[in-house]
C-alpha atoms as a PDB file:
ATOM      1  CA  MET A   1     -78.798 133.192  -5.994  1.00  0.00           C
ATOM      2  CA  ASN A   2     -78.871 132.482  -2.177  1.00  0.00           C
ATOM      3  CA  LYS A   3     -78.691 134.879   0.479  1.00  0.00           C
ATOM      4  CA  ARG A   4     -76.156 134.402   3.340  1.00  0.00           C
ATOM      5  CA  LEU A   5     -74.905 135.080   6.251  1.00  0.00           C
ATOM      6  CA  ALA A   6     -70.706 134.363   6.809  1.00  0.00           C
ATOM      7  CA  SER A   7     -68.473 134.934   9.665  1.00  0.00           C
ATOM      8  CA  VAL A   8     -64.948 133.647   9.340  1.00  0.00           C
ATOM      9  CA  VAL A   9     -62.125 134.271  11.729  1.00  0.00           C
ATOM     10  CA  LEU A  10     -58.342 134.540   9.840  1.00  0.00           C
ATOM     11  CA  GLY A  11     -55.037 134.979  10.793  1.00  0.00           C
ATOM     12  CA  VAL A  12     -52.992 135.272  13.894  1.00  0.00           C
ATOM     13  CA  SER A  13     -53.903 139.245  13.837  1.00  0.00           C
ATOM     14  CA  GLY A  14     -57.723 138.035  14.792  1.00  0.00           C
ATOM     15  CA  LEU A  15     -59.426 139.238  11.689  1.00  0.00           C
ATOM     16  CA  LEU A  16     -63.059 138.716  11.378  1.00  0.00           C
ATOM     17  CA  LEU A  17     -65.192 139.089   8.247  1.00  0.00           C
ATOM     18  CA  ALA A  18     -68.795 139.387   8.815  1.00  0.00           C
ATOM     19  CA  THR A  19     -71.063 139.473   5.361  1.00  0.00           C
ATOM     20  CA  ALA A  20     -74.564 140.675   5.727  1.00  0.00           C
ATOM     21  CA  PRO A  21     -77.386 139.477   4.047  1.00  0.00           C
ATOM     22  CA  ALA A  22     -77.142 140.163   0.311  1.00  0.00           C
ATOM     23  CA  ALA A  23     -77.005 138.752  -2.933  1.00  0.00           C
ATOM     24  CA  VAL A  24     -73.532 138.731  -4.870  1.00  0.00           C
ATOM     25  CA  ALA A  25     -73.641 139.423  -8.381  1.00  0.00           C
ATOM     26  CA  ALA A  26     -72.146 136.473 -10.551  1.00  0.00           C
ATOM     27  CA  PRO A  27     -68.506 137.241 -11.947  1.00  0.00           C
ATOM     28  CA  GLY A  28     -68.881 139.759 -15.063  1.00  0.00           C
ATOM     29  CA  ALA A  29     -72.629 140.058 -14.376  1.00  0.00           C
ATOM     30  CA  GLN A  30     -74.357 143.640 -13.629  1.00  0.00           C
ATOM     31  CA  ALA A  31     -75.993 143.376 -10.084  1.00  0.00           C
ATOM     32  CA  ALA A  32     -79.591 144.725 -10.721  1.00  0.00           C
ATOM     33  CA  GLY A  33     -80.455 148.298  -9.410  1.00  0.00           C
ATOM     34  CA  THR A  34     -76.488 148.760  -8.235  1.00  0.00           C
ATOM     35  CA  PRO A  35     -73.981 151.542  -9.573  1.00  0.00           C
ATOM     36  CA  GLY A  36     -71.326 148.621 -10.594  1.00  0.00           C
ATOM     37  CA  ALA A  37     -70.704 145.104 -11.323  1.00  0.00           C
ATOM     38  CA  ARG A  38     -69.493 142.551  -8.818  1.00  0.00           C
ATOM     39  CA  ASP A  39     -70.792 143.997  -5.485  1.00  0.00           C
ATOM     40  CA  CYS A  40     -69.644 142.142  -2.539  1.00  0.00           C
ATOM     41  CA  GLY A  41     -72.553 143.403  -0.309  1.00  0.00           C
ATOM     42  CA  ALA A  42     -71.641 144.538   3.127  1.00  0.00           C
ATOM     43  CA  VAL A  43     -68.722 143.810   5.230  1.00  0.00           C
ATOM     44  CA  THR A  44     -67.150 144.278   8.689  1.00  0.00           C
ATOM     45  CA  LEU A  45     -63.142 143.974   9.014  1.00  0.00           C
ATOM     46  CA  THR A  46     -61.784 143.926  12.317  1.00  0.00           C
ATOM     47  CA  GLY A  47     -58.759 142.726  13.606  1.00  0.00           C
ATOM     48  CA  SER A  48     -55.581 143.917  15.733  1.00  0.00           C
ATOM     49  CA  LEU A  49     -51.875 144.234  15.251  1.00  0.00           C
ATOM     50  CA  PRO A  50     -48.799 143.045  17.019  1.00  0.00           C
ATOM     51  CA  VAL A  51     -46.728 146.093  18.884  1.00  0.00           C
ATOM     52  CA  PRO A  52     -44.030 146.998  16.830  1.00  0.00           C
ATOM     53  CA  PRO A  53     -40.849 147.807  18.307  1.00  0.00           C
ATOM     54  CA  ALA A  54     -39.954 151.519  18.972  1.00  0.00           C
ATOM     55  CA  GLY A  55     -38.660 153.045  15.818  1.00  0.00           C
ATOM     56  CA  GLN A  56     -40.845 150.624  13.881  1.00  0.00           C
ATOM     57  CA  THR A  57     -43.678 150.454  11.985  1.00  0.00           C
ATOM     58  CA  VAL A  58     -45.959 147.101  11.916  1.00  0.00           C
ATOM     59  CA  ARG A  59     -48.473 147.216   9.085  1.00  0.00           C
ATOM     60  CA  GLN A  60     -51.173 144.582   7.038  1.00  0.00           C
ATOM     61  CA  SER A  61     -53.054 144.538   4.193  1.00  0.00           C
ATOM     62  CA  VAL A  62     -56.402 142.814   4.123  1.00  0.00           C
ATOM     63  CA  THR A  63     -57.756 142.172   0.159  1.00  0.00           C
ATOM     64  CA  ILE A  64     -61.804 141.419  -1.169  1.00  0.00           C
ATOM     65  CA  GLY A  65     -60.631 138.610  -3.788  1.00  0.00           C
ATOM     66  CA  GLU A  66     -61.960 137.452  -6.882  1.00  0.00           C
ATOM     67  CA  ASP A  67     -64.585 135.479  -5.072  1.00  0.00           C
ATOM     68  CA  CYS A  68     -65.681 138.191  -2.767  1.00  0.00           C
ATOM     69  CA  ALA A  69     -63.592 136.377   0.100  1.00  0.00           C
ATOM     70  CA  VAL A  70     -61.273 137.991   2.322  1.00  0.00           C
ATOM     71  CA  HIS A  71     -57.428 137.400   1.732  1.00  0.00           C
ATOM     72  CA  GLU A  72     -55.099 138.483   4.669  1.00  0.00           C
ATOM     73  CA  GLY A  73     -51.595 139.311   3.825  1.00  0.00           C
ATOM     74  CA  PRO A  74     -48.539 138.845   5.832  1.00  0.00           C
ATOM     75  CA  VAL A  75     -47.896 141.231   8.629  1.00  0.00           C
ATOM     76  CA  VAL A  76     -44.768 143.428   7.757  1.00  0.00           C
ATOM     77  CA  TYR A  77     -42.589 145.613   9.774  1.00  0.00           C
ATOM     78  CA  ALA A  78     -40.416 148.136   8.664  1.00  0.00           C
ATOM     79  CA  PRO A  79     -38.291 151.112   9.731  1.00  0.00           C
ATOM     80  CA  ALA A  80     -40.543 154.046  10.964  1.00  0.00           C
ATOM     81  CA  ALA A  81     -41.108 156.825   8.305  1.00  0.00           C
ATOM     82  CA  ALA A  82     -38.636 159.145  10.192  1.00  0.00           C
ATOM     83  CA  PRO A  83     -36.242 156.490  11.940  1.00  0.00           C
ATOM     84  CA  LYS A  84     -34.770 157.524  15.300  1.00  0.00           C
ATOM     85  CA  THR A  85     -31.022 156.598  16.669  1.00  0.00           C
ATOM     86  CA  PHE A  86     -31.084 154.012  19.551  1.00  0.00           C
ATOM     87  CA  LYS A  87     -29.695 157.102  21.678  1.00  0.00           C
ATOM     88  CA  THR A  88     -32.759 159.100  20.881  1.00  0.00           C
ATOM     89  CA  LEU A  89     -35.336 156.226  21.552  1.00  0.00           C
ATOM     90  CA  ALA A  90     -33.263 155.226  24.983  1.00  0.00           C
ATOM     91  CA  ALA A  91     -33.616 159.175  26.245  1.00  0.00           C
ATOM     92  CA  THR A  92     -37.660 159.091  25.548  1.00  0.00           C
ATOM     93  CA  ALA A  93     -37.985 155.738  27.326  1.00  0.00           C
ATOM     94  CA  ALA A  94     -35.817 157.155  30.367  1.00  0.00           C
ATOM     95  CA  ALA A  95     -38.161 160.407  30.427  1.00  0.00           C
ATOM     96  CA  GLY A  96     -41.266 158.293  30.677  1.00  0.00           C
ATOM     97  CA  SER A  97     -42.920 159.075  27.472  1.00  0.00           C
ATOM     98  CA  ARG A  98     -44.303 157.647  24.281  1.00  0.00           C
ATOM     99  CA  LYS A  99     -46.042 158.413  20.951  1.00  0.00           C
ATOM    100  CA  VAL A 100     -48.133 156.114  18.651  1.00  0.00           C
ATOM    101  CA  THR A 101     -49.161 156.787  15.321  1.00  0.00           C
ATOM    102  CA  SER A 102     -51.658 154.305  13.595  1.00  0.00           C
ATOM    103  CA  ALA A 103     -53.323 154.540  10.105  1.00  0.00           C
ATOM    104  CA  ASN A 104     -56.979 152.477   8.963  1.00  0.00           C
ATOM    105  CA  GLU A 105     -57.361 153.039   5.387  1.00  0.00           C
ATOM    106  CA  MET A 106     -59.426 151.644   2.632  1.00  0.00           C
ATOM    107  CA  TYR A 107     -58.111 151.464  -0.847  1.00  0.00           C
ATOM    108  CA  ASP A 108     -60.151 150.584  -4.096  1.00  0.00           C
ATOM    109  CA  CYS A 109     -59.085 148.285  -6.533  1.00  0.00           C
ATOM    110  CA  CYS A 110     -56.299 150.463  -8.630  1.00  0.00           C
ATOM    111  CA  ASN A 111     -55.000 151.305  -5.090  1.00  0.00           C
ATOM    112  CA  ILE A 112     -56.388 154.770  -4.652  1.00  0.00           C
ATOM    113  CA  ARG A 113     -57.042 155.444  -0.782  1.00  0.00           C
ATOM    114  CA  MET A 114     -60.778 156.212  -0.784  1.00  0.00           C
ATOM    115  CA  SER A 115     -61.082 157.102   3.063  1.00  0.00           C
ATOM    116  CA  GLY A 116     -58.471 156.970   5.967  1.00  0.00           C
ATOM    117  CA  LEU A 117     -58.593 157.591   9.643  1.00  0.00           C
ATOM    118  CA  TYR A 118     -55.160 158.557  11.779  1.00  0.00           C
ATOM    119  CA  THR A 119     -54.505 159.369  14.987  1.00  0.00           C
ATOM    120  CA  THR A 120     -51.407 160.080  17.222  1.00  0.00           C
ATOM    121  CA  SER A 121     -51.326 159.319  20.809  1.00  0.00           C
ATOM    122  CA  THR A 122     -48.823 160.668  23.361  1.00  0.00           C
ATOM    123  CA  TRP A 123     -48.335 160.012  27.024  1.00  0.00           C
ATOM    124  CA  THR A 124     -46.216 160.322  30.105  1.00  0.00           C
ATOM    125  CA  ALA A 125     -45.872 157.966  32.809  1.00  0.00           C
ATOM    126  CA  ALA A 126     -44.506 157.909  36.143  1.00  0.00           C
ATOM    127  CA  ASP A 127     -44.503 156.138  39.551  1.00  0.00           C
ATOM    128  CA  GLY A 128     -46.965 153.169  37.769  1.00  0.00           C
ATOM    129  CA  ARG A 129     -49.220 156.313  36.761  1.00  0.00           C
ATOM    130  CA  ILE A 130     -50.004 157.803  33.529  1.00  0.00           C
ATOM    131  CA  SER A 131     -49.300 161.468  34.225  1.00  0.00           C
ATOM    132  CA  SER A 132     -50.813 162.872  31.013  1.00  0.00           C
ATOM    133  CA  ALA A 133     -52.155 161.835  27.850  1.00  0.00           C
ATOM    134  CA  ALA A 134     -53.646 163.012  24.067  1.00  0.00           C
ATOM    135  CA  THR A 135     -55.027 161.709  21.242  1.00  0.00           C
ATOM    136  CA  THR A 136     -55.689 163.281  17.967  1.00  0.00           C
ATOM    137  CA  ALA A 137     -57.263 162.172  14.721  1.00  0.00           C
ATOM    138  CA  THR A 138     -57.456 163.281  11.451  1.00  0.00           C
ATOM    139  CA  GLN A 139     -59.214 161.941   8.365  1.00  0.00           C
ATOM    140  CA  GLY A 140     -58.180 161.706   4.697  1.00  0.00           C
ATOM    141  CA  PHE A 141     -60.079 160.391   1.564  1.00  0.00           C
ATOM    142  CA  ASN A 142     -60.286 161.037  -2.200  1.00  0.00           C
ATOM    143  CA  ARG A 143     -61.978 163.650  -4.118  1.00  0.00           C
ATOM    144  CA  GLU A 144     -63.110 163.649  -7.749  1.00  0.00           C
ATOM    145  CA  PRO A 145     -63.217 166.727 -10.326  1.00  0.00           C
ATOM    146  CA  TRP A 146     -66.431 169.002 -10.173  1.00  0.00           C
ATOM    147  CA  ASP A 147     -66.922 168.599  -6.365  1.00  0.00           C
ATOM    148  CA  ALA A 148     -67.455 164.934  -6.235  1.00  0.00           C
ATOM    149  CA  GLY A 149     -66.091 161.840  -4.776  1.00  0.00           C
ATOM    150  CA  TRP A 150     -65.719 160.940  -0.659  1.00  0.00           C
ATOM    151  CA  SER A 151     -66.579 163.158   1.638  1.00  0.00           C
ATOM    152  CA  VAL A 152     -66.639 162.940   5.877  1.00  0.00           C
ATOM    153  CA  LYS A 153     -69.889 162.720   7.255  1.00  0.00           C
ATOM    154  CA  SER A 154     -69.152 162.742  10.764  1.00  0.00           C
ATOM    155  CA  ALA A 155     -65.546 162.285  13.330  1.00  0.00           C
ATOM    156  CA  THR A 156     -64.808 161.654  16.784  1.00  0.00           C
ATOM    157  CA  ASN A 157     -62.212 160.745  18.843  1.00  0.00           C
ATOM    158  CA  SER A 158     -62.052 160.701  22.937  1.00  0.00           C
ATOM    159  CA  ASP A 159     -59.711 159.489  25.756  1.00  0.00           C
ATOM    160  CA  ASP A 160     -61.760 158.093  28.659  1.00  0.00           C
ATOM    161  CA  CYS A 161     -58.569 159.724  31.256  1.00  0.00           C
ATOM    162  CA  THR A 162     -56.203 162.345  30.665  1.00  0.00           C
ATOM    163  CA  THR A 163     -54.414 163.094  34.251  1.00  0.00           C
ATOM    164  CA  ASP A 164     -53.466 160.785  36.335  1.00  0.00           C
ATOM    165  CA  CYS A 165     -54.545 157.617  34.981  1.00  0.00           C
ATOM    166  CA  ALA A 166     -54.113 154.144  35.525  1.00  0.00           C
ATOM    167  CA  VAL A 167     -54.499 153.575  32.007  1.00  0.00           C
ATOM    168  CA  VAL A 168     -55.960 155.333  28.953  1.00  0.00           C
ATOM    169  CA  ASN A 169     -58.461 154.088  26.338  1.00  0.00           C
ATOM    170  CA  SER A 170     -58.724 156.214  23.542  1.00  0.00           C
ATOM    171  CA  GLN A 171     -60.902 155.610  20.573  1.00  0.00           C
ATOM    172  CA  ALA A 172     -61.572 157.522  17.107  1.00  0.00           C
ATOM    173  CA  HIS A 173     -64.268 157.300  14.773  1.00  0.00           C
ATOM    174  CA  ALA A 174     -64.630 158.854  11.124  1.00  0.00           C
ATOM    175  CA  ASP A 175     -67.962 157.841   8.673  1.00  0.00           C
ATOM    176  CA  PHE A 176     -67.195 158.583   4.959  1.00  0.00           C
ATOM    177  CA  SER A 177     -69.821 158.668   2.197  1.00  0.00           C
ATOM    178  CA  TYR A 178     -69.492 158.816  -1.430  1.00  0.00           C
ATOM    179  CA  LYS A 179     -71.385 160.515  -4.617  1.00  0.00           C
ATOM    180  CA  GLY A 180     -69.456 160.495  -7.861  1.00  0.00           C
ATOM    181  CA  ILE A 181     -68.774 158.862 -11.148  1.00  0.00           C
ATOM    182  CA  PHE A 182     -68.972 155.545  -9.311  1.00  0.00           C
ATOM    183  CA  ASP A 183     -72.447 155.980  -8.088  1.00  0.00           C
ATOM    184  CA  THR A 184     -74.222 159.380  -8.494  1.00  0.00           C
ATOM    185  CA  THR A 185     -76.819 158.905  -6.224  1.00  0.00           C
ATOM    186  CA  GLY A 186     -74.709 158.952  -2.908  1.00  0.00           C
ATOM    187  CA  ASP A 187     -76.438 156.114  -1.610  1.00  0.00           C
ATOM    188  CA  TRP A 188     -74.549 153.541  -2.138  1.00  0.00           C
ATOM    189  CA  TYR A 189     -71.100 153.586  -0.675  1.00  0.00           C
ATOM    190  CA  ASP A 190     -70.598 153.870   2.705  1.00  0.00           C
ATOM    191  CA  ASN A 191     -67.202 153.560   4.914  1.00  0.00           C
ATOM    192  CA  THR A 192     -67.142 153.705   8.637  1.00  0.00           C
ATOM    193  CA  HIS A 193     -63.490 153.444  10.358  1.00  0.00           C
ATOM    194  CA  HIS A 194     -62.922 152.683  13.976  1.00  0.00           C
ATOM    195  CA  THR A 195     -59.838 152.818  15.844  1.00  0.00           C
ATOM    196  CA  TYR A 196     -58.978 151.762  19.413  1.00  0.00           C
ATOM    197  CA  LEU A 197     -55.895 152.161  21.598  1.00  0.00           C
ATOM    198  CA  THR A 198     -54.968 150.981  25.034  1.00  0.00           C
ATOM    199  CA  LEU A 199     -52.112 153.094  26.679  1.00  0.00           C
ATOM    200  CA  ASN A 200     -50.161 152.007  29.606  1.00  0.00           C
ATOM    201  CA  PRO A 201     -48.427 152.931  32.255  1.00  0.00           C
ATOM    202  CA  ASP A 202     -45.309 150.959  31.623  1.00  0.00           C
ATOM    203  CA  LEU A 203     -45.582 152.573  27.892  1.00  0.00           C
ATOM    204  CA  THR A 204     -46.907 149.563  26.466  1.00  0.00           C
ATOM    205  CA  TYR A 205     -50.126 149.841  24.146  1.00  0.00           C
ATOM    206  CA  SER A 206     -52.443 148.237  21.922  1.00  0.00           C
ATOM    207  CA  CYS A 207     -53.964 149.012  18.647  1.00  0.00           C
ATOM    208  CA  THR A 208     -57.208 147.368  17.444  1.00  0.00           C
ATOM    209  CA  PHE A 209     -59.081 148.572  14.121  1.00  0.00           C
ATOM    210  CA  ASP A 210     -62.569 147.842  12.054  1.00  0.00           C
ATOM    211  CA  VAL A 211     -64.005 149.221   9.141  1.00  0.00           C
ATOM    212  CA  GLN A 212     -67.616 148.684   8.517  1.00  0.00           C
ATOM    213  CA  LEU A 213     -68.420 148.990   4.473  1.00  0.00           C
ATOM    214  CA  ARG A 214     -72.067 149.395   3.239  1.00  0.00           C
ATOM    215  CA  HIS A 215     -71.034 147.776  -0.191  1.00  0.00           C
ATOM    216  CA  THR A 216     -67.649 146.524  -1.355  1.00  0.00           C
ATOM    217  CA  PHE A 217     -66.046 145.744  -4.901  1.00  0.00           C
ATOM    218  CA  LEU A 218     -63.715 143.250  -5.811  1.00  0.00           C
ATOM    219  CA  GLY A 219     -60.289 144.407  -5.274  1.00  0.00           C
ATOM    220  CA  TRP A 220     -60.908 146.604  -2.395  1.00  0.00           C
ATOM    221  CA  ASN A 221     -58.150 146.297   0.418  1.00  0.00           C
ATOM    222  CA  TRP A 222     -58.083 147.339   3.887  1.00  0.00           C
ATOM    223  CA  GLN A 223     -54.581 148.590   4.973  1.00  0.00           C
ATOM    224  CA  ARG A 224     -53.802 149.328   8.910  1.00  0.00           C
ATOM    225  CA  SER A 225     -50.710 150.057  10.730  1.00  0.00           C
ATOM    226  CA  CYS A 226     -49.410 151.311  14.010  1.00  0.00           C
ATOM    227  CA  GLN A 227     -45.700 153.021  14.354  1.00  0.00           C
ATOM    228  CA  ALA A 228     -44.069 153.684  18.004  1.00  0.00           C
ATOM    229  CA  ALA A 229     -41.755 155.994  18.969  1.00  0.00           C
END
């Protein structure tokens, strides 16, 4: 089977698929030396989401299809999990403050979350400057019985400015490893998540995500979302 290097830009959100040189197992065949059939090789997915209105969540799913190609789902808007009234939202804006939460998750073909990176950014602004800003990050991952499954290898997050800022660039990273029923060596699967946010003094912002997968499997899907308040 020919080795390949492919780069495909998909959809309005700027999704990029990069497939590292790797043989792809034919449908139904077992790839020699791998812990599972129909491995789709190393993949990097990256993209941004439109900024949702206050009190709304915007989300999108991206799936590794039967042909190992990337299939991008529609951008979906929905009320936030804990919707606020227009009166509350207006009061928040008048106070010059904003909060944005994000999720950057990988699910398997059975829609079980394997790994996820979550951020919450809050900032206040006055006179064209950001008075204060802070970002927190948490990680989520699936464990299996007998102390197996996914786990966090490393995690960091930072803001390049927190007080009296023209703009704040926030970033969070998490690297997850897997050792369990689908690979007992612990050397095959590795998911690395990155989330980047830009916070502006006019209370606007942007969300950009990527995930780097050492190996992928048919039906894996990347789910990402931003929620503004």
